[in-house]
Amino acid sequence: MTALTYNRAWHRVLGAGHLTLGLMTPLARAPGAPADSAREAALAARADALGIAALWARDVPLIVPQGSTREAAVLDDPFIWLTLLAGATASTALGTAAAVLPLRHPLHVAKAAWSLDRLSGGRFILGLGSGDRPEELAPFGVDTAPEVLFRERWQTLAAALSTDAQVRADLLEGTGGYAPTPVPGARIPLLAVGTARQSLQWIAAHADGWATYHREEARQQGRIALWQRALEERAGGVSKPFVQSLQLELLADPDAPAEPLELGLRAGRRALLVYFERMAALGVAHMLVNLQGPRTVEDQVEELGREIVPRLPTLAVRQVGR
């Protein structure tokens, strides 16, 4: 498996060799309300112009209160939402973080992923999770353990999106000889997001990379070491990217020190850049940022693009694997 087989999104986001920056969307959604699509499209276009590497979307099938704030997020279907953003951008990659695989038929996911990748010109990354809202299982008729269903559906989905003729031939034996898509022109990256109720060894063997949440730096270093070990055990030591999410309040004062937030930090741009430098040295390939705080997202995106993104090519990522 070489990087040359992958689509444009891989090279821009995960295989750049230096830390890259992505943003979770919608960027400006009010709690409990759907996003303003015109505002979000304008923000996406600006992020694209500023060199933001990726725009991401979550999959929330049912409006279930969640997290410490108990917010009931009202989000559009991620594949349709990302198609809107694809039309507003030219270079920025688009990704799910994550589509809830136990609640979706793998052939439908394969069709949506292939379509979005094709229509965006190879800019799609498919992040997959097992879901973290147990209230969703029964309404979707899930009567198999989500961790088992995730593995089964991953196998079907990966085969449907494979560029390998033999792998696709095995799939066709179970579909009556009919494929959901033509053979993709390039490999669409498949990321496991969170643990997906799987072992790291399973993720290392089957996924193209692993995305997990922010932790205190020493603990995150330990997780990266576990990822390294899993790659050695199950992927022949092949390097696969480590992606981290980050809740971020970018302060207007560029010299403001970093302070911890739940699953992230509050900081001025200089402290943020120092933090990014440390995380790249640990092996983080992509930082998936979820902006928050009273400052407008327009101002935060502008500062990230003008002051942080141009400096990221200097932050070489320590390879996790060989």
C-alpha atoms as a PDB file:
ATOM      1  CA  MET A   1       0.000   0.000   0.000  1.00  0.00           C
ATOM      2  CA  THR A   2       1.654   3.221  -1.127  1.00  0.00           C
ATOM      3  CA  ALA A   3       0.582   6.817  -0.800  1.00  0.00           C
ATOM      4  CA  LEU A   4       0.509   7.027  -4.600  1.00  0.00           C
ATOM      5  CA  THR A   5      -2.688   4.935  -4.650  1.00  0.00           C
ATOM      6  CA  TYR A   6      -4.624   7.459  -2.579  1.00  0.00           C
ATOM      7  CA  ASN A   7      -6.854  10.340  -3.635  1.00  0.00           C
ATOM      8  CA  ARG A   8      -6.085  14.070  -3.410  1.00  0.00           C
ATOM      9  CA  ALA A   9      -7.461  14.323   0.122  1.00  0.00           C
ATOM     10  CA  TRP A  10      -4.891  11.887   1.481  1.00  0.00           C
ATOM     11  CA  HIS A  11      -1.967  13.879   0.138  1.00  0.00           C
ATOM     12  CA  ARG A  12      -3.371  17.199   1.342  1.00  0.00           C
ATOM     13  CA  VAL A  13      -4.444  16.131   4.833  1.00  0.00           C
ATOM     14  CA  LEU A  14      -2.826  12.901   6.003  1.00  0.00           C
ATOM     15  CA  GLY A  15       0.268  12.378   3.880  1.00  0.00           C
ATOM     16  CA  ALA A  16       1.651  15.915   3.727  1.00  0.00           C
ATOM     17  CA  GLY A  17       4.605  15.110   5.999  1.00  0.00           C
ATOM     18  CA  HIS A  18       3.822  18.076   8.236  1.00  0.00           C
ATOM     19  CA  LEU A  19       0.992  18.917  10.605  1.00  0.00           C
ATOM     20  CA  THR A  20      -2.176  19.984   8.782  1.00  0.00           C
ATOM     21  CA  LEU A  21      -5.230  21.792  10.111  1.00  0.00           C
ATOM     22  CA  GLY A  22      -8.901  20.972   9.641  1.00  0.00           C
ATOM     23  CA  LEU A  23     -12.120  22.468  10.953  1.00  0.00           C
ATOM     24  CA  MET A  24     -15.266  20.782  12.188  1.00  0.00           C
ATOM     25  CA  THR A  25     -18.412  22.117  10.543  1.00  0.00           C
ATOM     26  CA  PRO A  26     -20.885  23.702  10.842  1.00  0.00           C
ATOM     27  CA  LEU A  27     -18.640  26.431  12.175  1.00  0.00           C
ATOM     28  CA  ALA A  28     -21.259  28.922  13.375  1.00  0.00           C
ATOM     29  CA  ARG A  29     -24.282  26.807  14.304  1.00  0.00           C
ATOM     30  CA  ALA A  30     -26.378  28.037  17.242  1.00  0.00           C
ATOM     31  CA  PRO A  31     -27.137  25.351  19.864  1.00  0.00           C
ATOM     32  CA  GLY A  32     -30.333  23.452  19.078  1.00  0.00           C
ATOM     33  CA  ALA A  33     -30.738  24.994  15.625  1.00  0.00           C
ATOM     34  CA  PRO A  34     -29.734  23.990  12.093  1.00  0.00           C
ATOM     35  CA  ALA A  35     -26.839  25.800  10.471  1.00  0.00           C
ATOM     36  CA  ASP A  36     -27.188  28.812   8.180  1.00  0.00           C
ATOM     37  CA  SER A  37     -26.131  27.196   4.906  1.00  0.00           C
ATOM     38  CA  ALA A  38     -25.251  30.472   3.167  1.00  0.00           C
ATOM     39  CA  ARG A  39     -23.013  31.594   6.030  1.00  0.00           C
ATOM     40  CA  GLU A  40     -21.378  28.175   6.234  1.00  0.00           C
ATOM     41  CA  ALA A  41     -20.728  28.064   2.494  1.00  0.00           C
ATOM     42  CA  ALA A  42     -19.075  31.484   2.713  1.00  0.00           C
ATOM     43  CA  LEU A  43     -16.950  30.326   5.657  1.00  0.00           C
ATOM     44  CA  ALA A  44     -15.971  27.189   3.750  1.00  0.00           C
ATOM     45  CA  ALA A  45     -14.940  29.251   0.733  1.00  0.00           C
ATOM     46  CA  ARG A  46     -12.822  31.499   2.940  1.00  0.00           C
ATOM     47  CA  ALA A  47     -11.220  28.508   4.695  1.00  0.00           C
ATOM     48  CA  ASP A  48     -10.404  27.064   1.275  1.00  0.00           C
ATOM     49  CA  ALA A  49      -8.802  30.328   0.148  1.00  0.00           C
ATOM     50  CA  LEU A  50      -6.751  30.476   3.363  1.00  0.00           C
ATOM     51  CA  GLY A  51      -5.337  26.983   2.892  1.00  0.00           C
ATOM     52  CA  ILE A  52      -7.240  25.104   5.609  1.00  0.00           C
ATOM     53  CA  ALA A  53      -6.568  21.452   4.757  1.00  0.00           C
ATOM     54  CA  ALA A  54      -9.949  19.901   5.544  1.00  0.00           C
ATOM     55  CA  LEU A  55     -13.541  20.524   6.546  1.00  0.00           C
ATOM     56  CA  TRP A  56     -15.251  17.813   8.587  1.00  0.00           C
ATOM     57  CA  ALA A  57     -18.816  16.870   9.491  1.00  0.00           C
ATOM     58  CA  ARG A  58     -20.433  14.730  12.176  1.00  0.00           C
ATOM     59  CA  ASP A  59     -23.177  12.135  11.755  1.00  0.00           C
ATOM     60  CA  VAL A  60     -26.041  12.630  14.243  1.00  0.00           C
ATOM     61  CA  PRO A  61     -28.967  10.498  13.007  1.00  0.00           C
ATOM     62  CA  LEU A  62     -31.309  11.311  15.934  1.00  0.00           C
ATOM     63  CA  ILE A  63     -31.536  14.537  17.937  1.00  0.00           C
ATOM     64  CA  VAL A  64     -30.385  13.106  21.274  1.00  0.00           C
ATOM     65  CA  PRO A  65     -29.053  15.352  24.094  1.00  0.00           C
ATOM     66  CA  GLN A  66     -25.385  14.565  24.676  1.00  0.00           C
ATOM     67  CA  GLY A  67     -22.209  15.687  26.423  1.00  0.00           C
ATOM     68  CA  SER A  68     -21.666  17.849  29.469  1.00  0.00           C
ATOM     69  CA  THR A  69     -23.905  20.584  28.016  1.00  0.00           C
ATOM     70  CA  ARG A  70     -26.684  18.104  27.091  1.00  0.00           C
ATOM     71  CA  GLU A  71     -27.042  19.816  23.726  1.00  0.00           C
ATOM     72  CA  ALA A  72     -29.360  18.137  21.224  1.00  0.00           C
ATOM     73  CA  ALA A  73     -27.442  18.837  18.010  1.00  0.00           C
ATOM     74  CA  VAL A  74     -29.503  19.545  14.896  1.00  0.00           C
ATOM     75  CA  LEU A  75     -27.227  18.573  12.014  1.00  0.00           C
ATOM     76  CA  ASP A  76     -27.771  17.865   8.341  1.00  0.00           C
ATOM     77  CA  ASP A  77     -26.893  14.469   6.897  1.00  0.00           C
ATOM     78  CA  PRO A  78     -23.078  14.605   6.626  1.00  0.00           C
ATOM     79  CA  PHE A  79     -22.819  13.398   3.035  1.00  0.00           C
ATOM     80  CA  ILE A  80     -25.360  15.940   1.777  1.00  0.00           C
ATOM     81  CA  TRP A  81     -23.811  18.662   3.945  1.00  0.00           C
ATOM     82  CA  LEU A  82     -20.332  17.996   2.595  1.00  0.00           C
ATOM     83  CA  THR A  83     -21.671  18.134  -0.951  1.00  0.00           C
ATOM     84  CA  LEU A  84     -22.783  21.702  -0.193  1.00  0.00           C
ATOM     85  CA  LEU A  85     -19.282  22.524   1.063  1.00  0.00           C
ATOM     86  CA  ALA A  86     -17.705  20.807  -1.944  1.00  0.00           C
ATOM     87  CA  GLY A  87     -19.522  23.246  -4.194  1.00  0.00           C
ATOM     88  CA  ALA A  88     -18.145  26.195  -2.206  1.00  0.00           C
ATOM     89  CA  THR A  89     -14.505  25.012  -2.266  1.00  0.00           C
ATOM     90  CA  ALA A  90     -11.850  23.951  -4.749  1.00  0.00           C
ATOM     91  CA  SER A  91      -8.938  22.437  -2.811  1.00  0.00           C
ATOM     92  CA  THR A  92      -9.947  21.782   0.787  1.00  0.00           C
ATOM     93  CA  ALA A  93     -10.574  18.125   1.615  1.00  0.00           C
ATOM     94  CA  LEU A  94     -13.930  16.989   3.005  1.00  0.00           C
ATOM     95  CA  GLY A  95     -14.403  14.297   5.618  1.00  0.00           C
ATOM     96  CA  THR A  96     -16.848  12.569   7.920  1.00  0.00           C
ATOM     97  CA  ALA A  97     -15.859  12.385  11.582  1.00  0.00           C
ATOM     98  CA  ALA A  98     -17.607  10.135  11.776  1.00  0.00           C
ATOM     99  CA  ALA A  99     -20.361   8.337   9.848  1.00  0.00           C
ATOM    100  CA  VAL A 100     -22.071   5.906  12.233  1.00  0.00           C
ATOM    101  CA  LEU A 101     -21.534   2.623  10.433  1.00  0.00           C
ATOM    102  CA  PRO A 102     -23.771   0.327  12.545  1.00  0.00           C
ATOM    103  CA  LEU A 103     -26.751   2.543  11.600  1.00  0.00           C
ATOM    104  CA  ARG A 104     -26.047   2.638   7.847  1.00  0.00           C
ATOM    105  CA  HIS A 105     -26.003  -0.039   5.165  1.00  0.00           C
ATOM    106  CA  PRO A 106     -22.396  -0.401   3.971  1.00  0.00           C
ATOM    107  CA  LEU A 107     -23.348  -0.400   0.276  1.00  0.00           C
ATOM    108  CA  HIS A 108     -25.228   2.872   0.724  1.00  0.00           C
ATOM    109  CA  VAL A 109     -22.182   4.333   2.498  1.00  0.00           C
ATOM    110  CA  ALA A 110     -19.923   3.107  -0.306  1.00  0.00           C
ATOM    111  CA  LYS A 111     -22.173   4.739  -2.905  1.00  0.00           C
ATOM    112  CA  ALA A 112     -22.266   8.031  -1.003  1.00  0.00           C
ATOM    113  CA  ALA A 113     -18.501   8.049  -0.406  1.00  0.00           C
ATOM    114  CA  TRP A 114     -17.657   7.242  -4.025  1.00  0.00           C
ATOM    115  CA  SER A 115     -20.123   9.867  -5.273  1.00  0.00           C
ATOM    116  CA  LEU A 116     -18.816  12.601  -2.981  1.00  0.00           C
ATOM    117  CA  ASP A 117     -15.214  11.777  -3.824  1.00  0.00           C
ATOM    118  CA  ARG A 118     -15.966  11.806  -7.556  1.00  0.00           C
ATOM    119  CA  LEU A 119     -17.993  15.018  -7.505  1.00  0.00           C
ATOM    120  CA  SER A 120     -15.390  16.823  -5.383  1.00  0.00           C
ATOM    121  CA  GLY A 121     -12.462  15.754  -7.550  1.00  0.00           C
ATOM    122  CA  GLY A 122     -10.909  13.258  -5.139  1.00  0.00           C
ATOM    123  CA  ARG A 123     -11.254  15.351  -2.000  1.00  0.00           C
ATOM    124  CA  PHE A 124     -13.092  12.956   0.332  1.00  0.00           C
ATOM    125  CA  ILE A 125     -11.978  11.124   3.500  1.00  0.00           C
ATOM    126  CA  LEU A 126     -14.374   8.605   5.042  1.00  0.00           C
ATOM    127  CA  GLY A 127     -14.170   8.580   8.830  1.00  0.00           C
ATOM    128  CA  LEU A 128     -16.226   5.838  10.466  1.00  0.00           C
ATOM    129  CA  GLY A 129     -17.373   5.271  14.032  1.00  0.00           C
ATOM    130  CA  SER A 130     -19.616   2.888  15.923  1.00  0.00           C
ATOM    131  CA  GLY A 131     -21.765   5.627  17.464  1.00  0.00           C
ATOM    132  CA  ASP A 132     -21.919   6.873  21.031  1.00  0.00           C
ATOM    133  CA  ARG A 133     -25.681   7.350  21.502  1.00  0.00           C
ATOM    134  CA  PRO A 134     -27.244   4.034  22.574  1.00  0.00           C
ATOM    135  CA  GLU A 135     -30.710   5.582  22.165  1.00  0.00           C
ATOM    136  CA  GLU A 136     -30.236   5.352  18.380  1.00  0.00           C
ATOM    137  CA  LEU A 137     -29.817   1.595  18.169  1.00  0.00           C
ATOM    138  CA  ALA A 138     -33.410   0.371  18.623  1.00  0.00           C
ATOM    139  CA  PRO A 139     -35.061   2.923  16.276  1.00  0.00           C
ATOM    140  CA  PHE A 140     -32.707   1.778  13.513  1.00  0.00           C
ATOM    141  CA  GLY A 141     -33.466  -1.874  14.157  1.00  0.00           C
ATOM    142  CA  VAL A 142     -29.979  -2.722  15.399  1.00  0.00           C
ATOM    143  CA  ASP A 143     -30.203  -6.021  17.266  1.00  0.00           C
ATOM    144  CA  THR A 144     -26.569  -7.066  16.806  1.00  0.00           C
ATOM    145  CA  ALA A 145     -23.809  -5.778  19.055  1.00  0.00           C
ATOM    146  CA  PRO A 146     -22.535  -2.519  17.469  1.00  0.00           C
ATOM    147  CA  GLU A 147     -18.916  -3.652  17.672  1.00  0.00           C
ATOM    148  CA  VAL A 148     -19.721  -6.802  15.692  1.00  0.00           C
ATOM    149  CA  LEU A 149     -21.844  -4.931  13.177  1.00  0.00           C
ATOM    150  CA  PHE A 150     -19.091  -2.339  12.735  1.00  0.00           C
ATOM    151  CA  ARG A 151     -16.549  -4.993  11.767  1.00  0.00           C
ATOM    152  CA  GLU A 152     -18.942  -6.784   9.424  1.00  0.00           C
ATOM    153  CA  ARG A 153     -20.031  -3.606   7.662  1.00  0.00           C
ATOM    154  CA  TRP A 154     -16.479  -2.262   7.473  1.00  0.00           C
ATOM    155  CA  GLN A 155     -15.454  -5.401   5.579  1.00  0.00           C
ATOM    156  CA  THR A 156     -18.252  -4.966   3.031  1.00  0.00           C
ATOM    157  CA  LEU A 157     -17.685  -1.226   2.694  1.00  0.00           C
ATOM    158  CA  ALA A 158     -13.926  -1.550   2.289  1.00  0.00           C
ATOM    159  CA  ALA A 159     -14.416  -4.179  -0.404  1.00  0.00           C
ATOM    160  CA  ALA A 160     -16.926  -1.989  -2.243  1.00  0.00           C
ATOM    161  CA  LEU A 161     -14.449   0.914  -2.292  1.00  0.00           C
ATOM    162  CA  SER A 162     -11.385  -1.192  -3.016  1.00  0.00           C
ATOM    163  CA  THR A 163      -9.246  -0.604  -6.086  1.00  0.00           C
ATOM    164  CA  ASP A 164      -8.122  -4.265  -5.917  1.00  0.00           C
ATOM    165  CA  ALA A 165      -9.790  -6.495  -8.521  1.00  0.00           C
ATOM    166  CA  GLN A 166      -9.701  -9.651  -6.368  1.00  0.00           C
ATOM    167  CA  VAL A 167     -11.183  -7.925  -3.341  1.00  0.00           C
ATOM    168  CA  ARG A 168     -14.024  -6.586  -5.481  1.00  0.00           C
ATOM    169  CA  ALA A 169     -14.539 -10.027  -7.035  1.00  0.00           C
ATOM    170  CA  ASP A 170     -15.066 -11.453  -3.537  1.00  0.00           C
ATOM    171  CA  LEU A 171     -17.650  -8.741  -2.859  1.00  0.00           C
ATOM    172  CA  LEU A 172     -19.562  -9.510  -6.062  1.00  0.00           C
ATOM    173  CA  GLU A 173     -20.077 -13.078  -4.897  1.00  0.00           C
ATOM    174  CA  GLY A 174     -22.336 -11.677  -2.183  1.00  0.00           C
ATOM    175  CA  THR A 175     -24.139  -9.074  -4.320  1.00  0.00           C
ATOM    176  CA  GLY A 176     -25.312 -11.243  -7.175  1.00  0.00           C
ATOM    177  CA  GLY A 177     -22.487  -9.946  -9.344  1.00  0.00           C
ATOM    178  CA  TYR A 178     -23.553  -6.293  -9.120  1.00  0.00           C
ATOM    179  CA  ALA A 179     -21.256  -3.588  -7.732  1.00  0.00           C
ATOM    180  CA  PRO A 180     -22.535  -0.372  -6.087  1.00  0.00           C
ATOM    181  CA  THR A 181     -19.884   1.705  -7.887  1.00  0.00           C
ATOM    182  CA  PRO A 182     -17.298   1.436 -10.653  1.00  0.00           C
ATOM    183  CA  VAL A 183     -13.740   0.791  -9.496  1.00  0.00           C
ATOM    184  CA  PRO A 184     -12.588   4.032  -7.813  1.00  0.00           C
ATOM    185  CA  GLY A 185      -9.867   5.858  -9.680  1.00  0.00           C
ATOM    186  CA  ALA A 186      -7.891   6.256  -6.447  1.00  0.00           C
ATOM    187  CA  ARG A 187      -8.150   4.950  -2.905  1.00  0.00           C
ATOM    188  CA  ILE A 188     -10.537   6.816  -0.596  1.00  0.00           C
ATOM    189  CA  PRO A 189      -8.941   6.910   2.887  1.00  0.00           C
ATOM    190  CA  LEU A 190     -10.885   5.059   5.601  1.00  0.00           C
ATOM    191  CA  LEU A 191     -10.297   6.341   9.133  1.00  0.00           C
ATOM    192  CA  ALA A 192     -11.467   4.771  12.368  1.00  0.00           C
ATOM    193  CA  VAL A 193     -12.758   7.594  14.569  1.00  0.00           C
ATOM    194  CA  GLY A 194     -12.596   6.978  18.312  1.00  0.00           C
ATOM    195  CA  THR A 195     -12.169   3.366  19.284  1.00  0.00           C
ATOM    196  CA  ALA A 196     -15.272   2.288  17.306  1.00  0.00           C
ATOM    197  CA  ARG A 197     -15.479  -0.373  20.054  1.00  0.00           C
ATOM    198  CA  GLN A 198     -12.479  -2.120  18.476  1.00  0.00           C
ATOM    199  CA  SER A 199      -8.967  -2.891  19.640  1.00  0.00           C
ATOM    200  CA  LEU A 200      -6.135  -0.724  18.366  1.00  0.00           C
ATOM    201  CA  GLN A 201      -4.737  -3.857  16.778  1.00  0.00           C
ATOM    202  CA  TRP A 202      -7.894  -4.269  14.684  1.00  0.00           C
ATOM    203  CA  ILE A 203      -7.827  -0.594  13.682  1.00  0.00           C
ATOM    204  CA  ALA A 204      -4.136  -0.816  12.751  1.00  0.00           C
ATOM    205  CA  ALA A 205      -4.803  -3.828  10.550  1.00  0.00           C
ATOM    206  CA  HIS A 206      -7.874  -2.485   8.728  1.00  0.00           C
ATOM    207  CA  ALA A 207      -7.954   1.333   8.759  1.00  0.00           C
ATOM    208  CA  ASP A 208      -5.802   3.828   6.858  1.00  0.00           C
ATOM    209  CA  GLY A 209      -5.430   5.918  10.016  1.00  0.00           C
ATOM    210  CA  TRP A 210      -6.825   6.565  13.466  1.00  0.00           C
ATOM    211  CA  ALA A 211      -8.575   9.695  14.768  1.00  0.00           C
ATOM    212  CA  THR A 212      -9.020  10.228  18.490  1.00  0.00           C
ATOM    213  CA  TYR A 213      -9.753  13.059  20.889  1.00  0.00           C
ATOM    214  CA  HIS A 214      -7.554  15.551  22.737  1.00  0.00           C
ATOM    215  CA  ARG A 215      -5.767  14.375  25.868  1.00  0.00           C
ATOM    216  CA  GLU A 216      -3.208  15.897  28.206  1.00  0.00           C
ATOM    217  CA  GLU A 217       0.073  15.701  26.302  1.00  0.00           C
ATOM    218  CA  ALA A 218       1.755  12.965  28.317  1.00  0.00           C
ATOM    219  CA  ARG A 219      -1.332  10.779  28.008  1.00  0.00           C
ATOM    220  CA  GLN A 220      -1.579  11.464  24.288  1.00  0.00           C
ATOM    221  CA  GLN A 221       2.048  10.507  23.878  1.00  0.00           C
ATOM    222  CA  GLY A 222       1.146   7.199  25.507  1.00  0.00           C
ATOM    223  CA  ARG A 223      -1.727   6.667  23.081  1.00  0.00           C
ATOM    224  CA  ILE A 224       0.548   7.381  20.135  1.00  0.00           C
ATOM    225  CA  ALA A 225       3.006   4.825  21.508  1.00  0.00           C
ATOM    226  CA  LEU A 226       0.184   2.262  21.694  1.00  0.00           C
ATOM    227  CA  TRP A 227      -0.738   3.096  18.084  1.00  0.00           C
ATOM    228  CA  GLN A 228       2.898   2.610  17.073  1.00  0.00           C
ATOM    229  CA  ARG A 229       2.942  -0.794  18.781  1.00  0.00           C
ATOM    230  CA  ALA A 230      -0.328  -1.828  17.128  1.00  0.00           C
ATOM    231  CA  LEU A 231       1.061  -0.883  13.702  1.00  0.00           C
ATOM    232  CA  GLU A 232       4.154  -2.968  14.351  1.00  0.00           C
ATOM    233  CA  GLU A 233       2.046  -5.944  15.441  1.00  0.00           C
ATOM    234  CA  ARG A 234      -0.730  -5.837  12.834  1.00  0.00           C
ATOM    235  CA  ALA A 235       0.371  -3.615   9.934  1.00  0.00           C
ATOM    236  CA  GLY A 236       3.969  -4.676   9.495  1.00  0.00           C
ATOM    237  CA  GLY A 237       5.106  -1.368  10.958  1.00  0.00           C
ATOM    238  CA  VAL A 238       3.676   0.584   8.015  1.00  0.00           C
ATOM    239  CA  SER A 239       3.226   4.267   8.890  1.00  0.00           C
ATOM    240  CA  LYS A 240      -0.413   5.288   9.300  1.00  0.00           C
ATOM    241  CA  PRO A 241      -1.511   8.752  10.416  1.00  0.00           C
ATOM    242  CA  PHE A 242      -2.650   9.725  13.893  1.00  0.00           C
ATOM    243  CA  VAL A 243      -5.373  12.405  13.878  1.00  0.00           C
ATOM    244  CA  GLN A 244      -6.400  14.409  16.941  1.00  0.00           C
ATOM    245  CA  SER A 245      -9.477  16.534  17.553  1.00  0.00           C
ATOM    246  CA  LEU A 246      -9.196  19.759  19.542  1.00  0.00           C
ATOM    247  CA  GLN A 247     -11.805  22.026  21.093  1.00  0.00           C
ATOM    248  CA  LEU A 248     -10.290  25.481  20.570  1.00  0.00           C
ATOM    249  CA  GLU A 249     -11.063  29.011  21.662  1.00  0.00           C
ATOM    250  CA  LEU A 250      -8.586  31.175  19.770  1.00  0.00           C
ATOM    251  CA  LEU A 251      -8.178  34.368  21.765  1.00  0.00           C
ATOM    252  CA  ALA A 252      -7.749  37.774  20.163  1.00  0.00           C
ATOM    253  CA  ASP A 253      -4.611  38.470  22.236  1.00  0.00           C
ATOM    254  CA  PRO A 254      -1.823  36.724  20.288  1.00  0.00           C
ATOM    255  CA  ASP A 255       0.288  36.441  23.453  1.00  0.00           C
ATOM    256  CA  ALA A 256      -2.397  34.868  25.660  1.00  0.00           C
ATOM    257  CA  PRO A 257      -1.063  31.692  27.326  1.00  0.00           C
ATOM    258  CA  ALA A 258      -2.684  28.316  26.771  1.00  0.00           C
ATOM    259  CA  GLU A 259      -5.298  27.234  29.312  1.00  0.00           C
ATOM    260  CA  PRO A 260      -7.071  23.873  29.377  1.00  0.00           C
ATOM    261  CA  LEU A 261     -10.648  23.448  28.191  1.00  0.00           C
ATOM    262  CA  GLU A 262     -12.734  20.286  28.174  1.00  0.00           C
ATOM    263  CA  LEU A 263     -11.113  18.225  25.372  1.00  0.00           C
ATOM    264  CA  GLY A 264      -9.023  21.172  24.243  1.00  0.00           C
ATOM    265  CA  LEU A 265      -7.564  24.548  25.091  1.00  0.00           C
ATOM    266  CA  ARG A 266      -7.983  28.306  25.070  1.00  0.00           C
ATOM    267  CA  ALA A 267      -4.965  30.203  23.744  1.00  0.00           C
ATOM    268  CA  GLY A 268      -3.548  33.031  21.705  1.00  0.00           C
ATOM    269  CA  ARG A 269      -1.969  32.163  18.381  1.00  0.00           C
ATOM    270  CA  ARG A 270       1.639  32.081  19.605  1.00  0.00           C
ATOM    271  CA  ALA A 271       0.904  29.564  22.363  1.00  0.00           C
ATOM    272  CA  LEU A 272      -1.233  27.582  19.915  1.00  0.00           C
ATOM    273  CA  LEU A 273       1.619  27.357  17.431  1.00  0.00           C
ATOM    274  CA  VAL A 274       3.983  26.129  20.161  1.00  0.00           C
ATOM    275  CA  TYR A 275       1.404  23.494  21.107  1.00  0.00           C
ATOM    276  CA  PHE A 276       1.051  22.415  17.475  1.00  0.00           C
ATOM    277  CA  GLU A 277       4.839  22.117  17.208  1.00  0.00           C
ATOM    278  CA  ARG A 278       4.928  19.771  20.210  1.00  0.00           C
ATOM    279  CA  MET A 279       2.076  17.625  18.907  1.00  0.00           C
ATOM    280  CA  ALA A 280       3.655  17.270  15.454  1.00  0.00           C
ATOM    281  CA  ALA A 281       6.863  16.139  17.158  1.00  0.00           C
ATOM    282  CA  LEU A 282       4.851  13.468  18.985  1.00  0.00           C
ATOM    283  CA  GLY A 283       3.394  12.194  15.705  1.00  0.00           C
ATOM    284  CA  VAL A 284       0.066  13.995  15.182  1.00  0.00           C
ATOM    285  CA  ALA A 285      -0.477  14.329  11.423  1.00  0.00           C
ATOM    286  CA  HIS A 286      -3.723  16.304  11.403  1.00  0.00           C
ATOM    287  CA  MET A 287      -5.406  18.542  13.976  1.00  0.00           C
ATOM    288  CA  LEU A 288      -9.199  18.577  13.674  1.00  0.00           C
ATOM    289  CA  VAL A 289     -10.288  21.806  15.370  1.00  0.00           C
ATOM    290  CA  ASN A 290     -13.752  22.582  16.718  1.00  0.00           C
ATOM    291  CA  LEU A 291     -13.910  26.353  17.234  1.00  0.00           C
ATOM    292  CA  GLN A 292     -15.793  27.833  20.182  1.00  0.00           C
ATOM    293  CA  GLY A 293     -15.956  30.880  22.419  1.00  0.00           C
ATOM    294  CA  PRO A 294     -17.497  34.357  22.132  1.00  0.00           C
ATOM    295  CA  ARG A 295     -15.178  35.558  19.368  1.00  0.00           C
ATOM    296  CA  THR A 296     -16.747  35.200  15.911  1.00  0.00           C
ATOM    297  CA  VAL A 297     -15.766  32.126  13.945  1.00  0.00           C
ATOM    298  CA  GLU A 298     -15.058  34.412  10.982  1.00  0.00           C
ATOM    299  CA  ASP A 299     -12.328  36.164  13.001  1.00  0.00           C
ATOM    300  CA  GLN A 300     -10.911  32.879  14.310  1.00  0.00           C
ATOM    301  CA  VAL A 301     -10.830  31.278  10.858  1.00  0.00           C
ATOM    302  CA  GLU A 302      -9.154  34.365   9.404  1.00  0.00           C
ATOM    303  CA  GLU A 303      -6.431  34.375  12.055  1.00  0.00           C
ATOM    304  CA  LEU A 304      -5.819  30.640  11.754  1.00  0.00           C
ATOM    305  CA  GLY A 305      -5.495  30.983   7.999  1.00  0.00           C
ATOM    306  CA  ARG A 306      -3.269  34.043   8.009  1.00  0.00           C
ATOM    307  CA  GLU A 307      -1.055  33.357  11.027  1.00  0.00           C
ATOM    308  CA  ILE A 308      -1.023  29.584  11.652  1.00  0.00           C
ATOM    309  CA  VAL A 309      -1.504  27.772   8.337  1.00  0.00           C
ATOM    310  CA  PRO A 310       1.547  29.359   6.603  1.00  0.00           C
ATOM    311  CA  ARG A 311       3.774  28.088   9.435  1.00  0.00           C
ATOM    312  CA  LEU A 312       2.511  24.489   9.468  1.00  0.00           C
ATOM    313  CA  PRO A 313       4.846  23.229   6.682  1.00  0.00           C
ATOM    314  CA  THR A 314       7.727  23.776   9.127  1.00  0.00           C
ATOM    315  CA  LEU A 315       6.148  21.384  11.663  1.00  0.00           C
ATOM    316  CA  ALA A 316       7.390  18.004  10.461  1.00  0.00           C
ATOM    317  CA  VAL A 317       5.388  15.061  11.784  1.00  0.00           C
ATOM    318  CA  ARG A 318       7.262  12.239  13.453  1.00  0.00           C
ATOM    319  CA  GLN A 319       6.234   9.130  11.542  1.00  0.00           C
ATOM    320  CA  VAL A 320       4.147   6.655  13.490  1.00  0.00           C
ATOM    321  CA  GLY A 321       5.396   3.443  11.932  1.00  0.00           C
ATOM    322  CA  ARG A 322       8.003   3.214   9.188  1.00  0.00           C
END
